[in-house]
Amino acid sequence: LFYQVAMAGLEPSSIAFPFRRIFQKSKDAYVRVAEVLEIDTEDKTICTTLGDMWYDHLVIAVGADTNFFGNEKIAKHAIPMKSVSEALFLRNTILADYETSVTIRDYEERQKYIDIVIVGGGPTGVEVAGALAEMKKYVIPREYKELDYKEIDIHLLQGADQLLKGMSEKSSKAALKFLTDLDVKVQLNCRVVDYDGKYVYTKDGSKIPTHKLIWAAGITGNKLKGIQEESMTYGNRLKVSPHHEVQGLANVYAIGDIAFMENEQYEYGHPQVAQVAIQQAKNLAKNFNQKKKNNTL
């Protein structure tokens, strides 16, 4: 729900909750805030900034971070969407640019402030594009009466030949129709190669003027020192079994964005979205409870 925070639809407190409050009624759950420096899977030890910790079973849920694919200029100027602070930054930037745009008379110059480019047609890109389009249609006419909302162009650039790649074809087509009906300018098979803070450059040689490039084109798993390369696959994700066990490691499990669970339906792993992470967590908890019941934990 970061995109809802970015579009001022929700406050940060609506989507982020303190761990300690969640576990208030759990007598055997303890929270420690520390940085994990290394994991020793042989000795079952976790080295942290608070010292060493030992485990019997280890669940890795470190998530993923934005992947800029080595493009330093894009990393410098684009706006990612992987944290509450980034969502708030985007919200403030959008509103500040609208305030600036109402004072600019030159059409071309004004477009740089009001036009927005989103790169990546996955769940985040589609959600952000839809929320921006609804803001353009319903919010701008009421709150920025001096600004012609029809001037605002929202571009969604997707490198693949469909939106929501990895999900069903039905979902992909529905998302495309939904965004097109909201007047989002969707471009498929369009690869962004550069962004200098003023223009977005695509592989076919075209460029789009904008002060705001939202980068939702890819993520990469957060790596942990001590996890062997054989347990990892593309995108730094950990290969797991249907029971969430990390390949090649005993009593180590992974869930969420960092987990890569391959099957016939999802040959590239499950979509890296919140609902999948929640379902995996519930399934792993169910497995643990069953093992405890059978005295095999």
Protein backbone atom coordinates (compact mmCIF):
# COMPACT_ATOMS: atom_id res chain seq x y z
CA LEU A 1 0.00 0.00 0.00
CA PHE A 2 2.95 2.36 -0.45
CA TYR A 3 1.25 3.79 -3.51
CA GLN A 4 -1.77 4.80 -1.38
CA VAL A 5 0.53 6.72 0.95
CA ALA A 6 2.23 8.35 -2.04
CA MET A 7 -1.14 9.46 -3.44
CA ALA A 8 -2.28 10.84 -0.05
CA GLY A 9 -4.99 8.16 0.13
CA LEU A 10 -3.59 6.73 3.38
CA GLU A 11 -1.39 7.96 6.19
CA PRO A 12 1.80 6.00 6.99
CA SER A 13 0.34 4.84 10.30
CA SER A 14 -2.38 3.01 8.35
CA ILE A 15 0.08 0.59 6.72
CA ALA A 16 2.98 0.33 9.19
CA PHE A 17 2.63 -1.15 12.66
CA PRO A 18 5.16 -1.52 15.52
CA PHE A 19 6.38 -5.10 15.94
CA ARG A 20 6.20 -4.88 19.71
CA ARG A 21 2.53 -3.94 19.63
CA ILE A 22 1.77 -6.90 17.35
CA PHE A 23 3.41 -9.32 19.82
CA GLN A 24 2.11 -7.72 23.03
CA LYS A 25 0.07 -10.80 23.96
CA SER A 26 2.73 -13.33 22.92
CA LYS A 27 4.62 -14.54 26.00
CA ASP A 28 7.43 -16.21 24.04
CA ALA A 29 8.09 -13.65 21.31
CA TYR A 30 10.97 -11.18 21.64
CA VAL A 31 12.00 -8.30 19.38
CA ARG A 32 15.57 -7.12 18.82
CA VAL A 33 16.48 -4.25 16.49
CA ALA A 34 19.90 -4.99 15.04
CA GLU A 35 21.80 -5.40 11.80
CA VAL A 36 22.56 -8.95 10.73
CA LEU A 37 26.24 -9.09 9.79
CA GLU A 38 26.56 -12.77 8.92
CA ILE A 39 24.82 -16.12 9.23
CA ASP A 40 26.74 -19.28 10.08
CA THR A 41 24.46 -22.12 9.00
CA GLU A 42 26.93 -24.76 10.19
CA ASP A 43 26.97 -23.58 13.81
CA LYS A 44 23.42 -22.17 13.60
CA THR A 45 24.65 -18.75 14.64
CA ILE A 46 23.60 -15.25 13.60
CA CYS A 47 26.22 -12.54 14.02
CA THR A 48 24.57 -9.15 14.67
CA THR A 49 25.48 -5.68 15.90
CA LEU A 50 24.11 -6.77 19.29
CA GLY A 51 26.30 -9.85 19.41
CA ASP A 52 25.82 -13.49 18.43
CA MET A 53 22.45 -15.22 18.51
CA TRP A 54 21.71 -18.92 18.19
CA TYR A 55 18.79 -20.58 16.48
CA ASP A 56 17.16 -23.96 16.07
CA HIS A 57 15.07 -22.86 13.09
CA LEU A 58 15.73 -19.71 11.08
CA VAL A 59 13.14 -17.91 8.94
CA ILE A 60 14.55 -15.39 6.48
CA ALA A 61 12.13 -12.64 5.45
CA VAL A 62 14.50 -9.79 4.56
CA GLY A 63 12.55 -8.76 1.47
CA ALA A 64 13.98 -6.97 -1.53
CA ASP A 65 15.24 -3.56 -2.60
CA THR A 66 14.97 -1.56 -5.81
CA ASN A 67 17.01 -2.84 -8.75
CA PHE A 68 18.33 -0.10 -11.04
CA PHE A 69 20.26 -2.62 -13.15
CA GLY A 70 23.53 -0.75 -12.69
CA ASN A 71 22.31 2.57 -14.13
CA GLU A 72 23.74 5.14 -11.72
CA LYS A 73 22.01 8.15 -13.31
CA ILE A 74 18.60 6.54 -12.99
CA ALA A 75 19.41 5.53 -9.41
CA LYS A 76 20.36 9.13 -8.64
CA HIS A 77 17.33 10.88 -10.17
CA ALA A 78 14.45 8.37 -10.13
CA ILE A 79 12.02 7.86 -7.24
CA PRO A 80 11.73 4.26 -5.99
CA MET A 81 8.77 2.87 -4.03
CA LYS A 82 10.11 0.43 -1.45
CA SER A 83 9.61 2.26 1.84
CA VAL A 84 7.27 4.64 3.66
CA SER A 85 9.86 7.42 3.47
CA GLU A 86 10.11 7.04 -0.32
CA ALA A 87 6.31 7.09 -0.63
CA LEU A 88 6.15 10.28 1.44
CA PHE A 89 8.90 11.84 -0.65
CA LEU A 90 6.91 11.09 -3.81
CA ARG A 91 3.73 12.53 -2.27
CA ASN A 92 5.50 15.75 -1.28
CA THR A 93 7.21 16.04 -4.67
CA ILE A 94 3.95 15.60 -6.61
CA LEU A 95 2.08 18.18 -4.52
CA ALA A 96 4.98 20.66 -4.60
CA ASP A 97 5.19 20.37 -8.40
CA TYR A 98 1.46 20.97 -8.77
CA GLU A 99 1.82 24.11 -6.66
CA THR A 100 4.65 25.27 -8.91
CA SER A 101 2.80 24.43 -12.12
CA VAL A 102 -0.15 26.74 -11.41
CA THR A 103 2.25 29.70 -11.59
CA ILE A 104 3.87 28.72 -14.91
CA ARG A 105 2.32 30.13 -18.09
CA ASP A 106 4.53 28.40 -20.64
CA TYR A 107 2.87 25.13 -21.68
CA GLU A 108 6.06 23.15 -22.40
CA GLU A 109 7.68 24.20 -19.14
CA ARG A 110 4.51 23.39 -17.19
CA GLN A 111 4.38 19.87 -18.62
CA LYS A 112 7.71 19.01 -17.00
CA TYR A 113 6.12 19.58 -13.58
CA ILE A 114 2.76 17.89 -14.12
CA ASP A 115 3.63 14.94 -16.39
CA ILE A 116 4.75 11.75 -14.64
CA VAL A 117 6.57 8.71 -16.02
CA ILE A 118 6.35 5.31 -14.33
CA VAL A 119 8.78 2.60 -15.40
CA GLY A 120 7.70 -0.98 -14.81
CA GLY A 121 4.36 -2.63 -15.48
CA GLY A 122 4.34 -4.99 -12.52
CA PRO A 123 1.94 -4.72 -9.55
CA THR A 124 3.57 -1.57 -8.14
CA GLY A 125 3.72 0.23 -11.49
CA VAL A 126 0.11 -0.62 -12.33
CA GLU A 127 -1.14 0.42 -8.88
CA VAL A 128 0.74 3.74 -8.96
CA ALA A 129 -0.43 4.53 -12.50
CA GLY A 130 -4.04 3.83 -11.58
CA ALA A 131 -3.87 5.91 -8.40
CA LEU A 132 -2.27 8.83 -10.25
CA ALA A 133 -4.90 8.64 -12.98
CA GLU A 134 -7.69 8.75 -10.40
CA MET A 135 -6.01 11.68 -8.66
CA LYS A 136 -5.84 13.47 -12.02
CA LYS A 137 -9.51 12.81 -12.74
CA TYR A 138 -11.09 13.40 -9.33
CA VAL A 139 -8.72 15.40 -7.11
CA ILE A 140 -6.99 17.91 -9.39
CA PRO A 141 -10.23 19.50 -10.76
CA ARG A 142 -11.40 20.20 -7.18
CA GLU A 143 -8.17 21.32 -5.53
CA TYR A 144 -6.30 22.93 -8.45
CA LYS A 145 -9.09 24.70 -10.32
CA GLU A 146 -6.66 26.92 -12.23
CA LEU A 147 -4.89 23.86 -13.65
CA ASP A 148 -6.38 22.03 -16.63
CA TYR A 149 -6.24 18.41 -15.51
CA LYS A 150 -6.47 17.26 -19.13
CA GLU A 151 -2.93 18.58 -19.65
CA ILE A 152 -1.53 16.01 -17.22
CA ASP A 153 0.01 13.01 -18.97
CA ILE A 154 0.73 9.83 -17.04
CA HIS A 155 3.09 7.47 -18.87
CA LEU A 156 3.56 3.82 -17.93
CA LEU A 157 6.53 2.24 -19.71
CA GLN A 158 6.85 -1.54 -19.64
CA GLY A 159 9.82 -3.41 -21.11
CA ALA A 160 7.84 -6.63 -21.64
CA ASP A 161 4.99 -7.28 -24.07
CA GLN A 162 2.33 -7.29 -21.34
CA LEU A 163 1.50 -5.79 -17.96
CA LEU A 164 1.65 -7.88 -14.77
CA LYS A 165 3.98 -10.41 -16.34
CA GLY A 166 3.94 -13.57 -14.26
CA MET A 167 0.25 -13.23 -13.48
CA SER A 168 -2.61 -14.55 -15.59
CA GLU A 169 -3.28 -13.26 -19.09
CA LYS A 170 -6.76 -12.26 -17.91
CA SER A 171 -5.28 -10.04 -15.19
CA SER A 172 -2.85 -8.51 -17.66
CA LYS A 173 -5.56 -7.62 -20.16
CA ALA A 174 -7.86 -6.28 -17.44
CA ALA A 175 -5.10 -4.02 -16.07
CA LEU A 176 -4.31 -2.68 -19.54
CA LYS A 177 -7.97 -1.89 -20.23
CA PHE A 178 -8.44 -0.29 -16.81
CA LEU A 179 -5.44 2.01 -17.24
CA THR A 180 -6.26 2.85 -20.85
CA ASP A 181 -9.81 3.80 -19.84
CA LEU A 182 -8.28 6.15 -17.26
CA ASP A 183 -6.22 7.76 -20.04
CA VAL A 184 -2.86 6.38 -18.87
CA LYS A 185 -0.43 6.29 -21.79
CA VAL A 186 0.79 2.69 -21.64
CA GLN A 187 3.74 1.69 -23.82
CA LEU A 188 4.69 -1.99 -24.00
CA ASN A 189 8.05 -3.29 -25.26
CA CYS A 190 9.50 0.07 -24.24
CA ARG A 191 12.85 0.04 -22.46
CA VAL A 192 14.16 3.04 -20.56
CA VAL A 193 17.91 3.49 -20.95
CA ASP A 194 18.57 6.79 -19.15
CA TYR A 195 17.14 9.63 -17.09
CA ASP A 196 18.90 12.89 -16.26
CA GLY A 197 16.26 14.45 -14.05
CA LYS A 198 14.70 16.32 -16.98
CA TYR A 199 14.15 13.77 -19.75
CA VAL A 200 13.43 10.04 -19.82
CA TYR A 201 15.29 8.38 -22.71
CA THR A 202 14.04 5.13 -24.26
CA LYS A 203 15.83 2.53 -26.35
CA ASP A 204 14.00 3.55 -29.54
CA GLY A 205 15.52 7.05 -29.32
CA SER A 206 12.50 8.95 -28.02
CA LYS A 207 12.47 11.09 -24.88
CA ILE A 208 9.79 12.29 -22.49
CA PRO A 209 10.18 15.53 -20.50
CA THR A 210 9.41 15.14 -16.78
CA HIS A 211 10.78 16.05 -13.38
CA LYS A 212 9.36 12.84 -11.88
CA LEU A 213 10.35 9.31 -12.86
CA ILE A 214 8.88 6.62 -10.62
CA TRP A 215 11.02 3.49 -10.85
CA ALA A 216 9.09 0.24 -10.43
CA ALA A 217 10.99 -1.77 -13.02
CA GLY A 218 12.52 -4.39 -10.82
CA ILE A 219 13.68 -5.50 -7.40
CA THR A 220 16.58 -7.52 -6.11
CA GLY A 221 16.73 -9.57 -2.95
CA ASN A 222 18.64 -8.27 0.06
CA LYS A 223 21.72 -10.49 0.36
CA LEU A 224 22.88 -11.96 3.64
CA LYS A 225 26.53 -12.81 4.18
CA GLY A 226 27.00 -16.50 4.89
CA ILE A 227 24.24 -17.78 2.60
CA GLN A 228 25.91 -19.93 -0.06
CA GLU A 229 25.52 -19.04 -3.74
CA GLU A 230 24.07 -22.48 -4.48
CA SER A 231 20.99 -21.54 -2.48
CA MET A 232 20.36 -18.43 -4.55
CA THR A 233 18.86 -17.81 -7.98
CA TYR A 234 18.35 -14.77 -10.20
CA GLY A 235 17.37 -11.56 -8.46
CA ASN A 236 19.27 -12.74 -5.34
CA ARG A 237 16.22 -14.78 -4.30
CA LEU A 238 16.57 -17.92 -2.18
CA LYS A 239 15.41 -21.17 -3.76
CA VAL A 240 12.87 -22.83 -1.49
CA SER A 241 10.89 -26.06 -1.46
CA PRO A 242 7.06 -26.19 -1.26
CA HIS A 243 7.61 -26.23 2.52
CA HIS A 244 9.68 -23.01 2.32
CA GLU A 245 12.95 -24.79 3.15
CA VAL A 246 15.97 -23.06 1.62
CA GLN A 247 17.75 -25.37 -0.80
CA GLY A 248 20.93 -26.87 0.65
CA LEU A 249 20.41 -25.51 4.17
CA ALA A 250 19.01 -27.42 7.12
CA ASN A 251 16.34 -25.77 9.29
CA VAL A 252 16.51 -22.52 7.29
CA TYR A 253 13.38 -21.19 5.64
CA ALA A 254 12.51 -18.17 3.49
CA ILE A 255 9.23 -16.36 2.80
CA GLY A 256 8.12 -13.23 1.00
CA ASP A 257 9.99 -11.34 -1.71
CA ILE A 258 13.26 -13.11 -0.93
CA ALA A 259 11.77 -16.59 -1.51
CA PHE A 260 11.74 -18.25 -4.93
CA MET A 261 9.27 -21.12 -4.99
CA GLU A 262 9.05 -22.60 -8.49
CA ASN A 263 6.22 -24.78 -9.79
CA GLU A 264 4.36 -25.44 -13.03
CA GLN A 265 2.09 -22.43 -12.59
CA TYR A 266 4.88 -20.05 -11.53
CA GLU A 267 8.04 -20.96 -13.42
CA TYR A 268 9.61 -17.62 -12.43
CA GLY A 269 8.51 -17.86 -8.80
CA HIS A 270 5.46 -16.34 -7.18
CA PRO A 271 4.71 -12.62 -7.65
CA GLN A 272 6.62 -10.50 -5.14
CA VAL A 273 3.59 -8.85 -3.57
CA ALA A 274 2.25 -8.58 -0.02
CA GLN A 275 -0.54 -11.12 -0.32
CA VAL A 276 1.89 -13.84 -1.41
CA ALA A 277 4.15 -13.07 1.56
CA ILE A 278 1.21 -13.22 3.97
CA GLN A 279 0.03 -16.56 2.57
CA GLN A 280 3.55 -18.01 2.74
CA ALA A 281 3.92 -16.88 6.36
CA LYS A 282 0.61 -18.49 7.33
CA ASN A 283 1.56 -21.71 5.54
CA LEU A 284 4.96 -21.91 7.22
CA ALA A 285 3.37 -21.24 10.62
CA LYS A 286 0.89 -24.04 9.94
CA ASN A 287 3.78 -26.37 9.07
CA PHE A 288 5.61 -25.48 12.30
CA ASN A 289 2.49 -26.10 14.38
CA GLN A 290 1.99 -29.47 12.71
CA LYS A 291 5.61 -30.46 13.36
CA LYS A 292 5.29 -29.39 16.98
CA LYS A 293 2.13 -31.46 17.31
CA ASN A 294 3.92 -34.49 15.83
CA ASN A 295 7.04 -33.86 17.96
CA THR A 296 9.18 -33.51 14.84
CA LEU A 297 10.12 -29.86 15.22
